[in-house]
């Protein structure tokens, strides 16, 4: 049961980036997003990815790959709409 909940959470958690992306696109501004926070998180997500890829733990592997995809989109939109 723990593994199932963990896997579901690993898949769902990165999808919470979607409202942030939509809000940035709608307002056409990302000035309220800290660049230090953004690139700090992005750096950590990227550094986590190799460990996730080689891991035998499917939950960690799913989380790492899905998270890097969605957070890369956040980085793209923050930089695109930065004033």
C-alpha atoms as a PDB file:
ATOM      1  CA  UNK A   1       0.000   0.000   0.000  1.00  0.00           C
ATOM      2  CA  UNK A   2       2.849   2.394   0.826  1.00  0.00           C
ATOM      3  CA  UNK A   3       4.461   1.799  -2.561  1.00  0.00           C
ATOM      4  CA  UNK A   4       1.181   2.409  -4.386  1.00  0.00           C
ATOM      5  CA  UNK A   5       0.560   5.703  -2.572  1.00  0.00           C
ATOM      6  CA  UNK A   6       4.165   6.725  -3.174  1.00  0.00           C
ATOM      7  CA  UNK A   7       3.927   5.975  -6.880  1.00  0.00           C
ATOM      8  CA  UNK A   8       0.629   7.838  -7.241  1.00  0.00           C
ATOM      9  CA  UNK A   9       2.125  10.830  -5.430  1.00  0.00           C
ATOM     10  CA  UNK A  10       5.285  10.688  -7.551  1.00  0.00           C
ATOM     11  CA  UNK A  11       3.174  10.911 -10.693  1.00  0.00           C
ATOM     12  CA  UNK A  12       0.718  13.562  -9.444  1.00  0.00           C
ATOM     13  CA  UNK A  13       3.104  15.945  -7.628  1.00  0.00           C
ATOM     14  CA  UNK A  14       4.815  17.409 -10.729  1.00  0.00           C
ATOM     15  CA  UNK A  15       1.395  18.157 -12.253  1.00  0.00           C
ATOM     16  CA  UNK A  16       0.961  20.876  -9.607  1.00  0.00           C
ATOM     17  CA  UNK A  17       3.341  22.941 -11.748  1.00  0.00           C
ATOM     18  CA  UNK A  18       0.585  23.300 -14.365  1.00  0.00           C
ATOM     19  CA  UNK A  19      -1.442  25.971 -12.463  1.00  0.00           C
ATOM     20  CA  UNK A  20       1.745  28.022 -12.050  1.00  0.00           C
ATOM     21  CA  UNK A  21       2.504  27.762 -15.773  1.00  0.00           C
ATOM     22  CA  UNK A  22      -1.075  28.708 -16.688  1.00  0.00           C
ATOM     23  CA  UNK A  23      -1.045  31.683 -14.312  1.00  0.00           C
ATOM     24  CA  UNK A  24       2.215  32.974 -15.791  1.00  0.00           C
ATOM     25  CA  UNK A  25       0.866  32.600 -19.328  1.00  0.00           C
ATOM     26  CA  UNK A  26      -2.442  34.242 -18.467  1.00  0.00           C
ATOM     27  CA  UNK A  27      -0.818  37.269 -16.792  1.00  0.00           C
ATOM     28  CA  UNK A  28       2.084  37.339 -19.261  1.00  0.00           C
ATOM     29  CA  UNK A  29       4.343  38.092 -16.312  1.00  0.00           C
ATOM     30  CA  UNK A  30       6.590  36.126 -14.005  1.00  0.00           C
ATOM     31  CA  UNK A  31       7.934  39.049 -12.014  1.00  0.00           C
ATOM     32  CA  UNK A  32       6.619  37.592  -8.737  1.00  0.00           C
ATOM     33  CA  UNK A  33       8.752  34.441  -9.128  1.00  0.00           C
ATOM     34  CA  UNK A  34      12.195  34.626  -7.505  1.00  0.00           C
ATOM     35  CA  UNK A  35      14.945  33.705  -9.962  1.00  0.00           C
ATOM     36  CA  UNK A  36      17.130  32.465  -7.094  1.00  0.00           C
ATOM     37  CA  UNK A  37      14.339  30.100  -6.024  1.00  0.00           C
ATOM     38  CA  UNK A  38      13.615  29.047  -9.615  1.00  0.00           C
ATOM     39  CA  UNK A  39      17.186  28.211 -10.596  1.00  0.00           C
ATOM     40  CA  UNK A  40      17.959  26.716  -7.179  1.00  0.00           C
ATOM     41  CA  UNK A  41      15.089  24.264  -7.524  1.00  0.00           C
ATOM     42  CA  UNK A  42      15.891  23.622 -11.194  1.00  0.00           C
ATOM     43  CA  UNK A  43      19.540  22.879 -10.390  1.00  0.00           C
ATOM     44  CA  UNK A  44      18.487  20.417  -7.673  1.00  0.00           C
ATOM     45  CA  UNK A  45      15.937  18.743  -9.967  1.00  0.00           C
ATOM     46  CA  UNK A  46      18.578  18.332 -12.677  1.00  0.00           C
ATOM     47  CA  UNK A  47      21.140  16.973 -10.216  1.00  0.00           C
ATOM     48  CA  UNK A  48      18.549  14.485  -8.934  1.00  0.00           C
ATOM     49  CA  UNK A  49      17.699  13.176 -12.416  1.00  0.00           C
ATOM     50  CA  UNK A  50      20.748  10.906 -12.972  1.00  0.00           C
ATOM     51  CA  UNK A  51      20.144   9.163  -9.640  1.00  0.00           C
ATOM     52  CA  UNK A  52      16.484   8.731 -10.531  1.00  0.00           C
ATOM     53  CA  UNK A  53      17.277   7.284 -13.946  1.00  0.00           C
ATOM     54  CA  UNK A  54      19.684   4.624 -12.656  1.00  0.00           C
ATOM     55  CA  UNK A  55      17.573   3.780  -9.610  1.00  0.00           C
ATOM     56  CA  UNK A  56      15.790   0.437  -9.406  1.00  0.00           C
ATOM     57  CA  UNK A  57      12.968   2.165  -7.519  1.00  0.00           C
ATOM     58  CA  UNK A  58      10.216   2.837 -10.073  1.00  0.00           C
ATOM     59  CA  UNK A  59       8.584   5.501  -7.886  1.00  0.00           C
ATOM     60  CA  UNK A  60      11.802   7.530  -7.697  1.00  0.00           C
ATOM     61  CA  UNK A  61      12.427   7.001 -11.418  1.00  0.00           C
ATOM     62  CA  UNK A  62       8.938   8.248 -12.325  1.00  0.00           C
ATOM     63  CA  UNK A  63       9.139  11.225  -9.998  1.00  0.00           C
ATOM     64  CA  UNK A  64      12.563  12.293 -11.238  1.00  0.00           C
ATOM     65  CA  UNK A  65      11.725  12.155 -14.924  1.00  0.00           C
ATOM     66  CA  UNK A  66       8.227  13.657 -14.721  1.00  0.00           C
ATOM     67  CA  UNK A  67       9.420  16.385 -12.350  1.00  0.00           C
ATOM     68  CA  UNK A  68      12.270  17.473 -14.629  1.00  0.00           C
ATOM     69  CA  UNK A  69       9.865  17.718 -17.568  1.00  0.00           C
ATOM     70  CA  UNK A  70       7.287  19.845 -15.790  1.00  0.00           C
ATOM     71  CA  UNK A  71       9.760  22.030 -13.915  1.00  0.00           C
ATOM     72  CA  UNK A  72      11.629  22.668 -17.162  1.00  0.00           C
ATOM     73  CA  UNK A  73       8.356  24.064 -18.493  1.00  0.00           C
ATOM     74  CA  UNK A  74       8.104  26.328 -15.438  1.00  0.00           C
ATOM     75  CA  UNK A  75      11.644  27.591 -16.050  1.00  0.00           C
ATOM     76  CA  UNK A  76      10.848  28.196 -19.728  1.00  0.00           C
ATOM     77  CA  UNK A  77       7.744  30.268 -18.977  1.00  0.00           C
ATOM     78  CA  UNK A  78       9.327  32.223 -16.120  1.00  0.00           C
ATOM     79  CA  UNK A  79      12.245  33.218 -18.348  1.00  0.00           C
ATOM     80  CA  UNK A  80       9.981  33.897 -21.338  1.00  0.00           C
ATOM     81  CA  UNK A  81       7.663  36.221 -19.395  1.00  0.00           C
ATOM     82  CA  UNK A  82      10.330  37.899 -17.277  1.00  0.00           C
ATOM     83  CA  UNK A  83      10.272  41.720 -17.451  1.00  0.00           C
END
